[in-house]
Amino acid sequence: RGVDMFDCVLPTRSGRHGQAWTWAGPVNLKNARFAEDDSPLDETLDCPASRDYAKAYLHHLVKAEEILGQVLLSWHNIAFYQALMAAMRAAIADGRFEAFRKEFHLRLQSRE
């Protein structure tokens, strides 16, 4: 049946360095533009770290080097990657993985 998720440091390493992964690509919460952003990282994820904390608060935690910021971002990143893998599995099962891949890639490119 294959493997779609394995032991990887990417979600937690990114979280420890102030980076959150989203459907639109990585977000660097060290960036000053998040200091006043009251929106959550991703309110659609079933993860309290993703939906219940404002980017401004996460930015503050990261800038203050509070361990809670690293924990919340790691938690969010793991939830995001689990959701990404679930979406990929569904696309494969529905025979639409190539369309999923193209759409996901376009979203990432639109950020650049």
N, C-alpha and C. Protein backbone atom coordinates (compact mmCIF):
# COMPACT_ATOMS: atom_id res chain seq x y z
N ARG A 1 0.80 -1.20 0.00
CA ARG A 1 0.00 0.00 0.00
C ARG A 1 0.84 1.26 0.00
N GLY A 2 2.10 1.16 0.28
CA GLY A 2 2.95 2.35 0.21
C GLY A 2 2.99 3.14 1.50
N VAL A 3 3.79 4.16 1.47
CA VAL A 3 4.00 5.02 2.62
C VAL A 3 3.73 6.45 2.18
N ASP A 4 2.94 7.18 2.96
CA ASP A 4 2.70 8.57 2.59
C ASP A 4 3.19 9.55 3.65
N MET A 5 3.51 9.07 4.83
CA MET A 5 4.05 9.94 5.86
C MET A 5 5.06 9.12 6.64
N PHE A 6 6.17 9.71 6.94
CA PHE A 6 7.21 8.99 7.64
C PHE A 6 7.90 9.93 8.61
N ASP A 7 8.77 9.41 9.42
CA ASP A 7 9.46 10.20 10.42
C ASP A 7 10.32 11.25 9.72
N CYS A 8 9.96 12.50 9.88
CA CYS A 8 10.64 13.59 9.20
C CYS A 8 10.72 14.79 10.15
N VAL A 9 11.81 15.50 10.10
CA VAL A 9 11.99 16.64 11.00
C VAL A 9 11.40 17.94 10.44
N LEU A 10 10.97 17.94 9.18
CA LEU A 10 10.52 19.19 8.55
C LEU A 10 9.44 19.94 9.34
N PRO A 11 8.34 19.31 9.75
CA PRO A 11 7.32 20.09 10.47
C PRO A 11 7.82 20.71 11.77
N THR A 12 8.57 19.95 12.55
CA THR A 12 9.03 20.48 13.84
C THR A 12 10.21 21.41 13.70
N ARG A 13 11.12 21.12 12.78
CA ARG A 13 12.24 22.04 12.57
C ARG A 13 11.73 23.39 12.07
N SER A 14 10.80 23.34 11.13
CA SER A 14 10.21 24.58 10.62
C SER A 14 9.54 25.34 11.76
N GLY A 15 8.78 24.63 12.58
CA GLY A 15 8.09 25.26 13.70
C GLY A 15 9.05 25.90 14.68
N ARG A 16 10.16 25.24 14.95
CA ARG A 16 11.15 25.79 15.88
C ARG A 16 11.79 27.06 15.34
N HIS A 17 11.75 27.24 14.03
CA HIS A 17 12.36 28.41 13.41
C HIS A 17 11.34 29.45 12.94
N GLY A 18 10.11 29.35 13.44
CA GLY A 18 9.10 30.37 13.15
C GLY A 18 8.39 30.22 11.82
N GLN A 19 8.47 29.05 11.22
CA GLN A 19 7.84 28.84 9.91
C GLN A 19 6.64 27.93 10.04
N ALA A 20 5.52 28.35 9.45
CA ALA A 20 4.30 27.55 9.41
C ALA A 20 4.03 27.17 7.97
N TRP A 21 3.65 25.93 7.74
CA TRP A 21 3.29 25.47 6.40
C TRP A 21 1.79 25.61 6.21
N THR A 22 1.39 26.09 5.05
CA THR A 22 -0.01 26.31 4.74
C THR A 22 -0.29 25.82 3.33
N TRP A 23 -1.57 25.83 2.95
CA TRP A 23 -1.95 25.42 1.60
C TRP A 23 -1.38 26.36 0.55
N ALA A 24 -0.98 27.54 0.95
CA ALA A 24 -0.38 28.50 0.02
C ALA A 24 1.14 28.53 0.14
N GLY A 25 1.71 27.62 0.90
CA GLY A 25 3.15 27.57 1.07
C GLY A 25 3.58 27.98 2.46
N PRO A 26 4.88 28.09 2.67
CA PRO A 26 5.39 28.42 4.01
C PRO A 26 5.14 29.89 4.36
N VAL A 27 4.93 30.12 5.67
CA VAL A 27 4.73 31.46 6.21
C VAL A 27 5.79 31.68 7.28
N ASN A 28 6.56 32.75 7.15
CA ASN A 28 7.58 33.07 8.13
C ASN A 28 6.99 34.04 9.15
N LEU A 29 6.68 33.53 10.33
CA LEU A 29 6.03 34.35 11.34
C LEU A 29 6.99 35.31 12.04
N LYS A 30 8.25 35.28 11.70
CA LYS A 30 9.18 36.30 12.20
C LYS A 30 8.95 37.63 11.50
N ASN A 31 8.33 37.56 10.33
CA ASN A 31 8.10 38.74 9.51
C ASN A 31 7.21 39.75 10.23
N ALA A 32 7.62 41.02 10.22
CA ALA A 32 6.89 42.08 10.92
C ALA A 32 5.46 42.27 10.43
N ARG A 33 5.17 41.85 9.21
CA ARG A 33 3.81 42.05 8.69
C ARG A 33 2.77 41.25 9.46
N PHE A 34 3.19 40.29 10.28
CA PHE A 34 2.25 39.51 11.06
C PHE A 34 2.01 40.09 12.46
N ALA A 35 2.69 41.16 12.81
CA ALA A 35 2.58 41.74 14.15
C ALA A 35 1.16 42.19 14.50
N GLU A 36 0.38 42.55 13.52
CA GLU A 36 -0.99 43.02 13.75
C GLU A 36 -2.04 42.13 13.10
N ASP A 37 -1.66 40.97 12.63
CA ASP A 37 -2.56 40.07 11.89
C ASP A 37 -3.33 39.18 12.88
N ASP A 38 -4.60 39.47 13.04
CA ASP A 38 -5.43 38.72 13.99
C ASP A 38 -6.04 37.45 13.41
N SER A 39 -5.70 37.12 12.16
CA SER A 39 -6.27 35.91 11.55
C SER A 39 -5.49 34.68 12.01
N PRO A 40 -6.17 33.52 12.02
CA PRO A 40 -5.50 32.27 12.39
C PRO A 40 -4.65 31.75 11.24
N LEU A 41 -3.78 30.82 11.53
CA LEU A 41 -2.98 30.20 10.47
C LEU A 41 -3.87 29.48 9.47
N ASP A 42 -4.81 28.68 9.97
CA ASP A 42 -5.73 27.95 9.10
C ASP A 42 -6.92 27.48 9.92
N GLU A 43 -8.01 28.21 9.80
CA GLU A 43 -9.19 27.86 10.60
C GLU A 43 -9.89 26.59 10.11
N THR A 44 -9.49 26.06 8.96
CA THR A 44 -10.12 24.84 8.44
C THR A 44 -9.49 23.57 9.01
N LEU A 45 -8.29 23.68 9.57
CA LEU A 45 -7.64 22.49 10.14
C LEU A 45 -8.24 22.17 11.50
N ASP A 46 -8.37 20.88 11.79
CA ASP A 46 -8.87 20.45 13.08
C ASP A 46 -7.72 20.41 14.08
N CYS A 47 -7.17 21.59 14.34
CA CYS A 47 -6.02 21.72 15.23
C CYS A 47 -6.13 23.05 15.96
N PRO A 48 -6.18 23.04 17.28
CA PRO A 48 -6.30 24.29 18.01
C PRO A 48 -5.17 25.28 17.70
N ALA A 49 -3.97 24.80 17.49
CA ALA A 49 -2.86 25.70 17.17
C ALA A 49 -3.08 26.40 15.84
N SER A 50 -3.78 25.76 14.94
CA SER A 50 -4.02 26.31 13.60
C SER A 50 -5.16 27.30 13.57
N ARG A 51 -6.18 27.05 14.37
CA ARG A 51 -7.40 27.87 14.27
C ARG A 51 -7.65 28.81 15.43
N ASP A 52 -7.04 28.56 16.60
CA ASP A 52 -7.39 29.32 17.80
C ASP A 52 -6.38 30.40 18.20
N TYR A 53 -5.29 30.51 17.48
CA TYR A 53 -4.26 31.50 17.81
C TYR A 53 -4.05 32.43 16.63
N ALA A 54 -4.02 33.72 16.92
CA ALA A 54 -3.79 34.72 15.87
C ALA A 54 -2.33 34.70 15.42
N LYS A 55 -2.13 35.02 14.17
CA LYS A 55 -0.76 35.14 13.65
C LYS A 55 0.02 36.18 14.44
N ALA A 56 -0.65 37.24 14.88
CA ALA A 56 0.03 38.28 15.67
C ALA A 56 0.57 37.70 16.97
N TYR A 57 -0.21 36.86 17.63
CA TYR A 57 0.24 36.24 18.88
C TYR A 57 1.40 35.28 18.61
N LEU A 58 1.27 34.48 17.56
CA LEU A 58 2.35 33.57 17.20
C LEU A 58 3.61 34.34 16.84
N HIS A 59 3.46 35.45 16.12
CA HIS A 59 4.59 36.32 15.78
C HIS A 59 5.27 36.80 17.07
N HIS A 60 4.47 37.25 18.02
CA HIS A 60 5.01 37.70 19.31
C HIS A 60 5.81 36.59 19.99
N LEU A 61 5.22 35.39 20.05
CA LEU A 61 5.91 34.27 20.71
C LEU A 61 7.23 33.95 20.02
N VAL A 62 7.23 33.95 18.71
CA VAL A 62 8.45 33.64 17.95
C VAL A 62 9.51 34.72 18.20
N LYS A 63 9.11 35.98 18.11
CA LYS A 63 10.07 37.08 18.31
C LYS A 63 10.61 37.11 19.74
N ALA A 64 9.77 36.74 20.72
CA ALA A 64 10.18 36.72 22.12
C ALA A 64 10.94 35.44 22.47
N GLU A 65 11.05 34.53 21.48
CA GLU A 65 11.72 33.24 21.66
C GLU A 65 11.09 32.41 22.78
N GLU A 66 9.77 32.52 22.89
CA GLU A 66 9.01 31.71 23.85
C GLU A 66 8.84 30.30 23.29
N ILE A 67 9.10 29.30 24.11
CA ILE A 67 8.99 27.91 23.67
C ILE A 67 7.57 27.59 23.19
N LEU A 68 6.57 28.25 23.75
CA LEU A 68 5.19 27.99 23.33
C LEU A 68 5.01 28.24 21.83
N GLY A 69 5.68 29.24 21.30
CA GLY A 69 5.58 29.51 19.86
C GLY A 69 6.09 28.33 19.05
N GLN A 70 7.20 27.76 19.45
CA GLN A 70 7.77 26.62 18.75
C GLN A 70 6.84 25.41 18.84
N VAL A 71 6.25 25.22 20.00
CA VAL A 71 5.34 24.09 20.21
C VAL A 71 4.08 24.25 19.34
N LEU A 72 3.47 25.44 19.37
CA LEU A 72 2.25 25.67 18.60
C LEU A 72 2.50 25.55 17.10
N LEU A 73 3.61 26.09 16.62
CA LEU A 73 3.91 26.00 15.19
C LEU A 73 4.23 24.57 14.78
N SER A 74 4.91 23.83 15.62
CA SER A 74 5.18 22.42 15.32
C SER A 74 3.87 21.64 15.26
N TRP A 75 2.99 21.90 16.21
CA TRP A 75 1.68 21.23 16.26
C TRP A 75 0.89 21.56 14.99
N HIS A 76 0.87 22.84 14.63
CA HIS A 76 0.18 23.24 13.39
C HIS A 76 0.78 22.53 12.18
N ASN A 77 2.11 22.54 12.06
CA ASN A 77 2.76 21.96 10.89
C ASN A 77 2.47 20.47 10.76
N ILE A 78 2.46 19.76 11.87
CA ILE A 78 2.14 18.33 11.83
C ILE A 78 0.70 18.15 11.36
N ALA A 79 -0.22 18.95 11.89
CA ALA A 79 -1.63 18.87 11.47
C ALA A 79 -1.76 19.19 9.98
N PHE A 80 -1.02 20.21 9.52
CA PHE A 80 -1.08 20.55 8.09
C PHE A 80 -0.61 19.39 7.23
N TYR A 81 0.53 18.79 7.58
CA TYR A 81 1.05 17.70 6.76
C TYR A 81 0.13 16.48 6.80
N GLN A 82 -0.51 16.24 7.92
CA GLN A 82 -1.48 15.14 7.98
C GLN A 82 -2.66 15.44 7.04
N ALA A 83 -3.13 16.69 7.03
CA ALA A 83 -4.23 17.07 6.13
C ALA A 83 -3.79 16.98 4.67
N LEU A 84 -2.57 17.39 4.38
CA LEU A 84 -2.04 17.31 3.02
C LEU A 84 -1.99 15.86 2.55
N MET A 85 -1.50 14.97 3.41
CA MET A 85 -1.43 13.55 3.03
C MET A 85 -2.83 12.97 2.85
N ALA A 86 -3.79 13.36 3.69
CA ALA A 86 -5.17 12.88 3.54
C ALA A 86 -5.75 13.37 2.21
N ALA A 87 -5.48 14.61 1.85
CA ALA A 87 -5.97 15.14 0.57
C ALA A 87 -5.33 14.41 -0.60
N MET A 88 -4.06 14.09 -0.49
CA MET A 88 -3.38 13.34 -1.54
C MET A 88 -3.98 11.94 -1.68
N ARG A 89 -4.21 11.27 -0.54
CA ARG A 89 -4.80 9.92 -0.59
C ARG A 89 -6.17 9.97 -1.26
N ALA A 90 -6.98 10.98 -0.91
CA ALA A 90 -8.31 11.10 -1.52
C ALA A 90 -8.20 11.34 -3.02
N ALA A 91 -7.26 12.19 -3.43
CA ALA A 91 -7.07 12.47 -4.86
C ALA A 91 -6.64 11.21 -5.60
N ILE A 92 -5.77 10.43 -5.00
CA ILE A 92 -5.33 9.18 -5.63
C ILE A 92 -6.51 8.22 -5.76
N ALA A 93 -7.28 8.07 -4.69
CA ALA A 93 -8.43 7.16 -4.70
C ALA A 93 -9.47 7.58 -5.74
N ASP A 94 -9.60 8.89 -5.96
CA ASP A 94 -10.57 9.40 -6.93
C ASP A 94 -10.00 9.49 -8.35
N GLY A 95 -8.74 9.10 -8.53
CA GLY A 95 -8.12 9.16 -9.85
C GLY A 95 -7.84 10.57 -10.33
N ARG A 96 -7.65 11.52 -9.40
CA ARG A 96 -7.43 12.91 -9.79
C ARG A 96 -6.15 13.49 -9.17
N PHE A 97 -5.18 12.62 -8.92
CA PHE A 97 -3.97 13.12 -8.28
C PHE A 97 -3.23 14.15 -9.13
N GLU A 98 -3.14 13.93 -10.42
CA GLU A 98 -2.41 14.87 -11.28
C GLU A 98 -3.05 16.25 -11.21
N ALA A 99 -4.36 16.33 -11.22
CA ALA A 99 -5.05 17.62 -11.09
C ALA A 99 -4.78 18.24 -9.72
N PHE A 100 -4.79 17.41 -8.67
CA PHE A 100 -4.47 17.90 -7.32
C PHE A 100 -3.07 18.47 -7.27
N ARG A 101 -2.12 17.73 -7.85
CA ARG A 101 -0.72 18.17 -7.85
C ARG A 101 -0.57 19.51 -8.55
N LYS A 102 -1.19 19.64 -9.71
CA LYS A 102 -1.09 20.89 -10.47
C LYS A 102 -1.70 22.06 -9.70
N GLU A 103 -2.87 21.84 -9.12
CA GLU A 103 -3.53 22.91 -8.35
C GLU A 103 -2.68 23.33 -7.15
N PHE A 104 -2.15 22.36 -6.44
CA PHE A 104 -1.32 22.66 -5.27
C PHE A 104 -0.07 23.43 -5.70
N HIS A 105 0.54 23.00 -6.76
CA HIS A 105 1.74 23.66 -7.26
C HIS A 105 1.44 25.09 -7.70
N LEU A 106 0.30 25.31 -8.36
CA LEU A 106 -0.09 26.66 -8.76
C LEU A 106 -0.28 27.57 -7.57
N ARG A 107 -0.88 27.06 -6.51
CA ARG A 107 -1.06 27.87 -5.29
C ARG A 107 0.30 28.29 -4.73
N LEU A 108 1.25 27.38 -4.73
CA LEU A 108 2.58 27.72 -4.21
C LEU A 108 3.25 28.76 -5.10
N GLN A 109 3.11 28.62 -6.40
CA GLN A 109 3.74 29.57 -7.33
C GLN A 109 3.11 30.94 -7.26
N SER A 110 1.82 31.01 -6.94
CA SER A 110 1.15 32.31 -6.91
C SER A 110 1.64 33.19 -5.75
N ARG A 111 2.31 32.59 -4.79
CA ARG A 111 2.87 33.34 -3.66
C ARG A 111 4.17 34.05 -4.05
N GLU A 112 4.84 33.54 -5.03
CA GLU A 112 6.17 34.07 -5.38
C GLU A 112 6.09 35.42 -6.05
